[in-house]
Amino acid sequence: PETHPVGAPVPTATPKAPGPAVRHRRPNRAVLGLAAGVVGASAVVGALTLASGDDGADGGRSAGPAAAAAAPFGEDPPKVDDKVFDDDFEDTGSGWKNGAGPSRDAGYGDDEYELRVLPSTTRTVVPAPLTRVPDSQLIEVKVTHGDGGGEAGVYCRGESGGYAFLLREDGRARIARIDGTALRDVATGTAGDLRDDENRIKAACVQDGPNLNLGMWVNGDPVAGAAAPSDDGDDGGGDGGPGTSGLVLHRPDGAAGRPEASFTDFALCSV
């Protein structure tokens, strides 16, 4: 179904063309990256009232090909200052959660890291084993979707109250606020150049005064972006820190499957 933002003011600048229809496998090679954003915190507050089940193909705040940029960054991710952490998951002792048995929801695989969503939950979130998380960061990872139809990606600013950057197997992408058990859309888009197996996600989470600038790229193409309120992460140690960052796998509202995904080449950089 189409999304219907609640309380978000309608922009009065350039009219936006409707987004293209979702292509399920190998869409046209032309860049169909969609920009989605809210300029200013007041607009984002309205966007955060969207329920996670209301993320239609066009998205409540997606834009046409002419605006192919992850606003407020533009076409390209922000410049990296320093690589804080990276992991190719070849070493099973690198510090990530490593479950076992039938209730395993996260753990190392064969030179990859695997997430599953168990029937009793709606998502699996695993923080990266970091001793320092920068306020402004660029996270990237390669993801391969398994069975179950889940949304896979990364998150920043804490496991509750932070922001998730999620990609579906059919190319739908979104940035969502983690609000307790719900995910509330901030920006949506469509990846226009999906691969059969690994797709690289890049996610920017950059402090800008009282706000965060959020952007998402898939296989180098911008797909979504927004400005959002900068709340302290729930697990930031009570010192105003940014909270944790890491991997996330989510079962969309109304889906009955048991989502699975595998990840390789994780990196987190300061910007």
Protein backbone atom coordinates (compact mmCIF):
# COMPACT_ATOMS: atom_id res chain seq x y z
CA PRO A 1 0.00 0.00 0.00
CA GLU A 2 1.06 3.59 -0.51
CA THR A 3 2.33 5.54 2.45
CA HIS A 4 0.42 8.49 3.83
CA PRO A 5 2.60 10.78 6.00
CA VAL A 6 0.83 12.09 9.06
CA GLY A 7 1.55 15.60 10.19
CA ALA A 8 4.43 16.25 7.79
CA PRO A 9 4.18 19.67 6.01
CA VAL A 10 3.98 19.47 2.24
CA PRO A 11 7.10 20.95 0.58
CA THR A 12 6.40 24.03 -1.51
CA ALA A 13 9.54 24.02 -3.63
CA THR A 14 10.08 21.73 -6.60
CA PRO A 15 7.19 19.31 -7.27
CA LYS A 16 8.25 15.67 -7.05
CA ALA A 17 7.59 13.10 -9.70
CA PRO A 18 6.13 9.79 -8.55
CA GLY A 19 8.66 7.05 -7.87
CA PRO A 20 9.03 4.15 -10.32
CA ALA A 21 7.46 0.76 -9.77
CA VAL A 22 9.53 -1.77 -7.85
CA ARG A 23 11.40 -4.27 -10.03
CA HIS A 24 11.84 -7.62 -8.34
CA ARG A 25 15.02 -8.89 -10.04
CA ARG A 26 17.72 -6.94 -11.84
CA PRO A 27 15.94 -3.65 -12.60
CA ASN A 28 16.95 -1.43 -15.50
CA ARG A 29 20.58 -0.41 -15.28
CA ALA A 30 19.67 3.24 -15.34
CA VAL A 31 20.04 4.79 -11.92
CA LEU A 32 16.61 4.91 -10.33
CA GLY A 33 17.89 5.98 -6.92
CA LEU A 34 15.23 7.87 -5.13
CA ALA A 35 15.88 10.71 -2.77
CA ALA A 36 13.75 10.90 0.27
CA GLY A 37 14.16 13.49 2.89
CA VAL A 38 12.78 15.96 5.27
CA VAL A 39 14.42 19.35 5.46
CA GLY A 40 14.22 20.42 9.07
CA ALA A 41 13.34 18.67 12.29
CA SER A 42 9.69 19.73 12.29
CA ALA A 43 9.05 17.88 9.03
CA VAL A 44 10.82 14.80 10.31
CA VAL A 45 8.66 14.70 13.42
CA GLY A 46 5.67 14.32 11.13
CA ALA A 47 7.46 11.65 9.10
CA LEU A 48 8.13 9.63 12.24
CA THR A 49 4.41 9.03 12.69
CA LEU A 50 4.46 6.64 9.73
CA ALA A 51 3.93 3.02 10.72
CA SER A 52 6.41 0.45 9.44
CA GLY A 53 3.66 -1.35 7.56
CA ASP A 54 2.90 1.71 5.45
CA ASP A 55 5.99 1.65 3.28
CA GLY A 56 4.53 1.32 -0.21
CA ALA A 57 6.56 1.02 -3.37
CA ASP A 58 6.72 4.77 -3.81
CA GLY A 59 7.24 5.52 -0.13
CA GLY A 60 5.74 8.49 1.67
CA ARG A 61 8.80 10.62 1.00
CA SER A 62 10.52 9.19 -2.03
CA ALA A 63 11.41 11.31 -5.04
CA GLY A 64 11.81 10.75 -8.76
CA PRO A 65 14.99 9.98 -10.74
CA ALA A 66 15.71 13.67 -11.25
CA ALA A 67 16.39 13.93 -7.52
CA ALA A 68 18.65 10.85 -7.39
CA ALA A 69 20.51 11.83 -4.24
CA ALA A 70 20.55 10.80 -0.62
CA ALA A 71 19.67 14.25 0.70
CA PRO A 72 21.19 16.04 2.49
CA PHE A 73 24.44 14.50 1.16
CA GLY A 74 23.79 14.47 -2.58
CA GLU A 75 24.98 11.70 -4.87
CA ASP A 76 27.95 10.51 -2.81
CA PRO A 77 28.51 9.46 0.80
CA PRO A 78 30.37 11.87 3.08
CA LYS A 79 34.17 11.81 3.07
CA VAL A 80 35.75 9.38 5.52
CA ASP A 81 38.17 10.68 8.18
CA ASP A 82 39.27 7.40 9.72
CA LYS A 83 38.39 3.70 9.67
CA VAL A 84 37.34 2.82 13.22
CA PHE A 85 36.53 -0.87 12.74
CA ASP A 86 36.29 -3.46 10.00
CA ASP A 87 35.61 -7.20 9.93
CA ASP A 88 35.42 -9.77 7.13
CA PHE A 89 34.04 -12.36 9.61
CA GLU A 90 36.81 -14.87 8.91
CA ASP A 91 37.78 -14.87 12.59
CA THR A 92 35.01 -16.30 14.79
CA GLY A 93 36.63 -14.67 17.79
CA SER A 94 36.36 -11.10 16.52
CA GLY A 95 33.77 -10.23 19.15
CA TRP A 96 30.30 -10.44 17.61
CA LYS A 97 27.49 -12.37 19.28
CA ASN A 98 27.81 -16.05 18.44
CA GLY A 99 24.71 -18.07 19.32
CA ALA A 100 24.21 -21.82 19.08
CA GLY A 101 21.40 -24.36 18.89
CA PRO A 102 17.86 -24.08 17.52
CA SER A 103 17.32 -20.71 19.20
CA ARG A 104 20.34 -19.15 17.50
CA ASP A 105 19.46 -15.79 15.98
CA ALA A 106 23.00 -14.58 15.25
CA GLY A 107 26.42 -16.11 14.74
CA TYR A 108 29.39 -16.70 12.49
CA GLY A 109 28.99 -18.77 9.34
CA ASP A 110 31.51 -19.72 6.66
CA ASP A 111 33.49 -16.46 6.36
CA GLU A 112 30.28 -14.52 6.92
CA TYR A 113 27.97 -13.44 9.72
CA GLU A 114 24.41 -14.73 9.82
CA LEU A 115 21.23 -13.27 11.29
CA ARG A 116 17.82 -14.90 11.69
CA VAL A 117 14.55 -13.55 13.04
CA LEU A 118 12.97 -16.07 15.38
CA PRO A 119 9.19 -16.63 15.40
CA SER A 120 8.85 -14.99 18.81
CA THR A 121 10.38 -11.67 17.70
CA THR A 122 10.14 -9.13 14.90
CA ARG A 123 13.83 -8.34 14.47
CA THR A 124 17.36 -9.29 15.40
CA VAL A 125 19.82 -6.51 16.27
CA VAL A 126 23.50 -7.15 16.95
CA PRO A 127 25.89 -4.35 17.97
CA ALA A 128 29.37 -4.28 16.48
CA PRO A 129 32.13 -5.06 19.02
CA LEU A 130 33.42 -1.51 19.23
CA THR A 131 35.17 0.27 22.06
CA ARG A 132 34.58 3.67 20.46
CA VAL A 133 31.65 4.79 18.35
CA PRO A 134 32.08 8.19 16.63
CA ASP A 135 29.29 10.76 16.74
CA SER A 136 29.36 10.97 12.94
CA GLN A 137 29.85 7.74 11.06
CA LEU A 138 29.65 5.92 7.75
CA ILE A 139 28.78 2.22 7.99
CA GLU A 140 29.00 -0.25 5.14
CA VAL A 141 28.40 -3.96 4.67
CA LYS A 142 27.61 -6.49 1.97
CA VAL A 143 24.34 -8.35 2.53
CA THR A 144 22.87 -11.47 0.94
CA HIS A 145 19.18 -12.13 1.59
CA GLY A 146 18.16 -15.65 2.49
CA ASP A 147 14.69 -17.11 2.91
CA GLY A 148 11.84 -15.43 4.73
CA GLY A 149 11.53 -12.08 2.95
CA GLY A 150 13.24 -9.91 5.55
CA GLU A 151 14.74 -6.41 5.51
CA ALA A 152 18.48 -6.48 6.18
CA GLY A 153 20.99 -3.75 6.86
CA VAL A 154 22.72 -1.68 9.52
CA TYR A 155 21.74 0.70 12.30
CA CYS A 156 23.22 3.62 14.22
CA ARG A 157 22.50 5.60 17.43
CA GLY A 158 21.45 2.67 19.58
CA GLU A 159 19.24 -0.40 19.50
CA SER A 160 16.20 1.57 20.70
CA GLY A 161 15.70 5.12 19.51
CA GLY A 162 18.30 4.82 16.78
CA TYR A 163 17.96 4.55 13.01
CA ALA A 164 17.92 1.46 10.77
CA PHE A 165 18.95 1.40 7.09
CA LEU A 166 17.12 -1.52 5.53
CA LEU A 167 17.04 -3.24 2.13
CA ARG A 168 14.54 -5.83 0.88
CA GLU A 169 15.33 -8.48 -1.69
CA ASP A 170 13.01 -6.76 -4.18
CA GLY A 171 14.94 -3.49 -3.93
CA ARG A 172 12.78 -1.51 -1.56
CA ALA A 173 14.93 0.51 0.82
CA ARG A 174 14.14 2.66 3.81
CA ILE A 175 15.59 4.58 6.72
CA ALA A 176 13.46 3.99 9.82
CA ARG A 177 13.42 5.16 13.41
CA ILE A 178 13.71 2.27 15.87
CA ASP A 179 10.81 3.01 18.20
CA GLY A 180 10.49 0.16 20.68
CA THR A 181 9.05 -2.80 18.80
CA ALA A 182 8.06 -0.62 15.82
CA LEU A 183 10.04 0.80 12.93
CA ARG A 184 8.75 4.18 11.77
CA ASP A 185 9.73 5.41 8.32
CA VAL A 186 11.85 8.50 7.94
CA ALA A 187 12.66 8.08 4.22
CA THR A 188 12.06 5.42 1.57
CA GLY A 189 13.37 4.63 -1.90
CA THR A 190 14.15 1.89 -4.39
CA ALA A 191 17.54 0.42 -5.30
CA GLY A 192 17.81 0.45 -9.08
CA ASP A 193 20.73 -1.92 -9.63
CA LEU A 194 20.37 -5.02 -7.48
CA ARG A 195 22.71 -7.99 -7.73
CA ASP A 196 21.79 -11.64 -7.48
CA ASP A 197 23.66 -12.21 -4.24
CA GLU A 198 25.70 -9.60 -2.36
CA ASN A 199 24.47 -6.00 -2.34
CA ARG A 200 26.57 -3.33 -0.65
CA ILE A 201 24.80 -0.95 1.71
CA LYS A 202 26.37 2.29 2.87
CA ALA A 203 24.70 4.31 5.61
CA ALA A 204 25.67 7.79 6.83
CA CYS A 205 24.71 8.98 10.29
CA VAL A 206 26.24 12.43 10.69
CA GLN A 207 25.79 14.89 13.55
CA ASP A 208 24.74 18.34 12.36
CA GLY A 209 23.97 20.60 15.31
CA PRO A 210 20.73 19.37 16.95
CA ASN A 211 19.98 17.06 14.03
CA LEU A 212 21.34 13.96 12.35
CA ASN A 213 21.85 13.85 8.62
CA LEU A 214 20.96 10.36 7.39
CA GLY A 215 21.75 8.87 3.98
CA MET A 216 21.64 5.45 2.34
CA TRP A 217 23.33 4.07 -0.78
CA VAL A 218 22.98 0.62 -2.40
CA ASN A 219 25.73 -0.58 -4.75
CA GLY A 220 26.97 2.99 -5.00
CA ASP A 221 23.62 4.55 -5.91
CA PRO A 222 21.79 6.93 -3.54
CA VAL A 223 18.37 5.64 -2.48
CA ALA A 224 17.17 7.61 0.57
CA GLY A 225 18.08 10.48 2.87
CA ALA A 226 16.66 12.74 5.57
CA ALA A 227 17.42 15.04 8.47
CA ALA A 228 16.18 13.78 11.83
CA PRO A 229 16.26 14.80 15.50
CA SER A 230 19.47 13.84 17.30
CA ASP A 231 18.45 11.98 20.45
CA ASP A 232 21.06 10.42 22.69
CA GLY A 233 21.33 6.68 22.12
CA ASP A 234 19.65 4.55 24.77
CA ASP A 235 22.87 2.63 25.22
CA GLY A 236 25.24 5.55 25.04
CA GLY A 237 26.35 5.12 28.62
CA GLY A 238 24.36 8.10 29.90
CA ASP A 239 27.06 10.52 28.77
CA GLY A 240 25.36 11.82 25.67
CA GLY A 241 27.23 9.34 23.47
CA PRO A 242 25.95 7.99 20.17
CA GLY A 243 24.98 4.52 21.39
CA THR A 244 25.80 1.34 19.50
CA SER A 245 25.96 0.65 15.77
CA GLY A 246 25.75 -2.70 14.05
CA LEU A 247 23.66 -5.14 12.01
CA VAL A 248 19.90 -5.58 11.87
CA LEU A 249 17.39 -7.96 10.26
CA HIS A 250 13.67 -7.20 10.42
CA ARG A 251 10.48 -9.08 9.57
CA PRO A 252 8.11 -6.63 7.84
CA ASP A 253 4.66 -6.13 9.33
CA GLY A 254 2.23 -8.78 8.15
CA ALA A 255 4.95 -11.17 6.95
CA ALA A 256 4.87 -14.71 8.32
CA GLY A 257 8.29 -15.99 7.25
CA ARG A 258 11.46 -16.55 9.23
CA PRO A 259 13.88 -14.06 7.64
CA GLU A 260 17.54 -14.93 7.18
CA ALA A 261 20.47 -12.90 5.86
CA SER A 262 24.25 -13.14 5.74
CA PHE A 263 26.77 -10.30 5.93
CA THR A 264 30.37 -9.80 4.83
CA ASP A 265 32.92 -6.96 4.76
CA PHE A 266 31.56 -4.80 7.57
CA ALA A 267 33.25 -1.43 8.16
CA LEU A 268 32.55 1.59 10.32
CA CYS A 269 34.36 4.87 9.70
CA SER A 270 34.30 8.29 11.29
CA VAL A 271 33.35 11.23 9.08
